[in-house]
C-alpha atoms as a PDB file:
ATOM      1  CA  MET A   1      13.735  -6.701  10.074  1.00  0.00           C
ATOM      2  CA  ALA A   2      15.968  -6.006   7.096  1.00  0.00           C
ATOM      3  CA  ALA A   3      14.720  -3.780   4.269  1.00  0.00           C
ATOM      4  CA  ARG A   4      14.693  -6.741   1.883  1.00  0.00           C
ATOM      5  CA  SER A   5      12.520  -8.743   4.295  1.00  0.00           C
ATOM      6  CA  ARG A   6      10.113  -5.836   4.693  1.00  0.00           C
ATOM      7  CA  SER A   7       9.798  -5.540   0.910  1.00  0.00           C
ATOM      8  CA  LEU A   8       8.990  -9.233   0.513  1.00  0.00           C
ATOM      9  CA  CYS A   9       6.489  -9.085   3.360  1.00  0.00           C
ATOM     10  CA  SER A  10       4.773  -6.026   1.863  1.00  0.00           C
ATOM     11  CA  LEU A  11       4.643  -7.680  -1.556  1.00  0.00           C
ATOM     12  CA  PHE A  12       2.924 -10.751  -0.148  1.00  0.00           C
ATOM     13  CA  ILE A  13       0.438  -8.939   2.068  1.00  0.00           C
ATOM     14  CA  GLY A  14      -0.366  -6.314  -0.539  1.00  0.00           C
ATOM     15  CA  GLY A  15      -0.605  -8.647  -3.521  1.00  0.00           C
ATOM     16  CA  PHE A  16      -0.415 -12.374  -3.067  1.00  0.00           C
ATOM     17  CA  GLY A  17      -2.285 -12.313   0.249  1.00  0.00           C
ATOM     18  CA  GLU A  18      -5.235 -10.673  -1.477  1.00  0.00           C
ATOM     19  CA  GLN A  19      -5.320 -13.643  -3.873  1.00  0.00           C
ATOM     20  CA  GLY A  20      -6.298 -15.905  -0.972  1.00  0.00           C
ATOM     21  CA  LEU A  21      -2.854 -17.357  -0.228  1.00  0.00           C
ATOM     22  CA  SER A  22      -2.245 -18.052   3.448  1.00  0.00           C
ATOM     23  CA  ILE A  23       1.502 -18.672   3.681  1.00  0.00           C
ATOM     24  CA  LEU A  24       4.712 -17.588   2.027  1.00  0.00           C
ATOM     25  CA  ALA A  25       7.797 -19.561   3.115  1.00  0.00           C
ATOM     26  CA  LEU A  26      10.925 -17.867   1.818  1.00  0.00           C
ATOM     27  CA  GLY A  27      14.346 -19.415   1.355  1.00  0.00           C
ATOM     28  CA  HIS A  28      18.059 -18.683   1.294  1.00  0.00           C
ATOM     29  CA  ILE A  29      18.236 -17.025   4.737  1.00  0.00           C
ATOM     30  CA  HIS A  30      19.624 -19.586   7.216  1.00  0.00           C
ATOM     31  CA  GLU A  31      17.940 -18.128  10.291  1.00  0.00           C
ATOM     32  CA  TYR A  32      14.274 -18.528  11.256  1.00  0.00           C
ATOM     33  CA  GLU A  33      12.290 -15.316  11.097  1.00  0.00           C
ATOM     34  CA  GLN A  34       8.555 -14.680  11.180  1.00  0.00           C
ATOM     35  CA  LEU A  35       7.853 -11.511   9.231  1.00  0.00           C
ATOM     36  CA  HIS A  36       4.063 -11.581   9.537  1.00  0.00           C
ATOM     37  CA  ALA A  37       1.509 -13.818  11.281  1.00  0.00           C
ATOM     38  CA  ASP A  38      -1.710 -13.499   9.244  1.00  0.00           C
ATOM     39  CA  PRO A  39      -1.040 -14.255   6.466  1.00  0.00           C
ATOM     40  CA  HIS A  40       2.071 -16.212   7.408  1.00  0.00           C
ATOM     41  CA  VAL A  41       5.308 -14.850   5.948  1.00  0.00           C
ATOM     42  CA  LEU A  42       8.338 -16.794   7.187  1.00  0.00           C
ATOM     43  CA  PHE A  43      11.926 -17.690   6.613  1.00  0.00           C
ATOM     44  CA  PRO A  44      12.080 -21.288   7.896  1.00  0.00           C
ATOM     45  CA  GLY A  45      15.862 -21.167   8.314  1.00  0.00           C
ATOM     46  CA  ASN A  46      17.975 -24.284   7.901  1.00  0.00           C
ATOM     47  CA  LEU A  47      17.995 -27.700   9.554  1.00  0.00           C
ATOM     48  CA  GLN A  48      21.477 -27.520  11.011  1.00  0.00           C
ATOM     49  CA  GLY A  49      23.925 -24.707  11.770  1.00  0.00           C
ATOM     50  CA  ARG A  50      26.776 -25.077   9.294  1.00  0.00           C
ATOM     51  CA  GLY A  51      29.469 -23.466  11.425  1.00  0.00           C
ATOM     52  CA  ILE A  52      30.183 -21.055  14.267  1.00  0.00           C
ATOM     53  CA  HIS A  53      28.665 -18.193  12.275  1.00  0.00           C
ATOM     54  CA  GLU A  54      25.204 -19.885  12.463  1.00  0.00           C
ATOM     55  CA  CYS A  55      24.458 -19.940  16.194  1.00  0.00           C
ATOM     56  CA  GLY A  56      21.251 -20.980  17.908  1.00  0.00           C
ATOM     57  CA  ALA A  57      18.435 -23.450  17.398  1.00  0.00           C
ATOM     58  CA  LYS A  58      17.811 -24.700  13.858  1.00  0.00           C
ATOM     59  CA  GLY A  59      14.950 -26.668  12.415  1.00  0.00           C
ATOM     60  CA  ALA A  60      12.024 -26.753  10.031  1.00  0.00           C
ATOM     61  CA  LEU A  61       8.406 -25.635   9.781  1.00  0.00           C
ATOM     62  CA  LEU A  62       5.504 -28.062   9.868  1.00  0.00           C
ATOM     63  CA  VAL A  63       2.489 -26.506   8.157  1.00  0.00           C
ATOM     64  CA  HIS A  64      -0.994 -27.771   9.011  1.00  0.00           C
ATOM     65  CA  VAL A  65      -3.916 -26.940   6.713  1.00  0.00           C
ATOM     66  CA  LYS A  66      -7.455 -27.807   7.753  1.00  0.00           C
ATOM     67  CA  ASP A  67     -10.651 -26.261   6.426  1.00  0.00           C
ATOM     68  CA  ASP A  68      -8.735 -23.300   4.943  1.00  0.00           C
ATOM     69  CA  GLU A  69      -7.056 -22.608   8.296  1.00  0.00           C
ATOM     70  CA  VAL A  70      -3.249 -22.623   8.258  1.00  0.00           C
ATOM     71  CA  THR A  71      -1.162 -23.137  11.373  1.00  0.00           C
ATOM     72  CA  VAL A  72       2.617 -23.275  11.454  1.00  0.00           C
ATOM     73  CA  GLU A  73       4.660 -25.193  13.994  1.00  0.00           C
ATOM     74  CA  ARG A  74       8.401 -24.669  14.328  1.00  0.00           C
ATOM     75  CA  LEU A  75      10.298 -27.913  14.899  1.00  0.00           C
ATOM     76  CA  ILE A  76      13.791 -27.717  16.406  1.00  0.00           C
ATOM     77  CA  LEU A  77      15.754 -30.536  14.762  1.00  0.00           C
ATOM     78  CA  ASP A  78      19.433 -29.635  15.009  1.00  0.00           C
ATOM     79  CA  ARG A  79      21.798 -32.295  16.342  1.00  0.00           C
ATOM     80  CA  VAL A  80      24.705 -29.929  17.013  1.00  0.00           C
ATOM     81  CA  ARG A  81      24.168 -26.367  18.202  1.00  0.00           C
ATOM     82  CA  TRP A  82      26.677 -23.534  17.876  1.00  0.00           C
ATOM     83  CA  PHE A  83      26.893 -20.863  20.596  1.00  0.00           C
ATOM     84  CA  ASP A  84      28.692 -17.540  20.797  1.00  0.00           C
ATOM     85  CA  LEU A  85      30.271 -17.551  24.256  1.00  0.00           C
ATOM     86  CA  LEU A  86      31.792 -14.087  24.105  1.00  0.00           C
END
């Protein structure tokens, strides 16, 4: 986990999480990463790899909220997948 990701995760858990928030979905990073599970701190990634530098499965997060319980499901939605063969 990059230092920047750790800082964001610590900020949420130490501050926002105490306010009763259950999920923080961050943006800009094109690769899925779960930084923390409870509370949820995630980079959802992007829907489709934009070139050979964005390998692997891409998709979105479907967030379910019921009776104050939050569950997150990762949906793989890419139509074209890039692989590094070397």
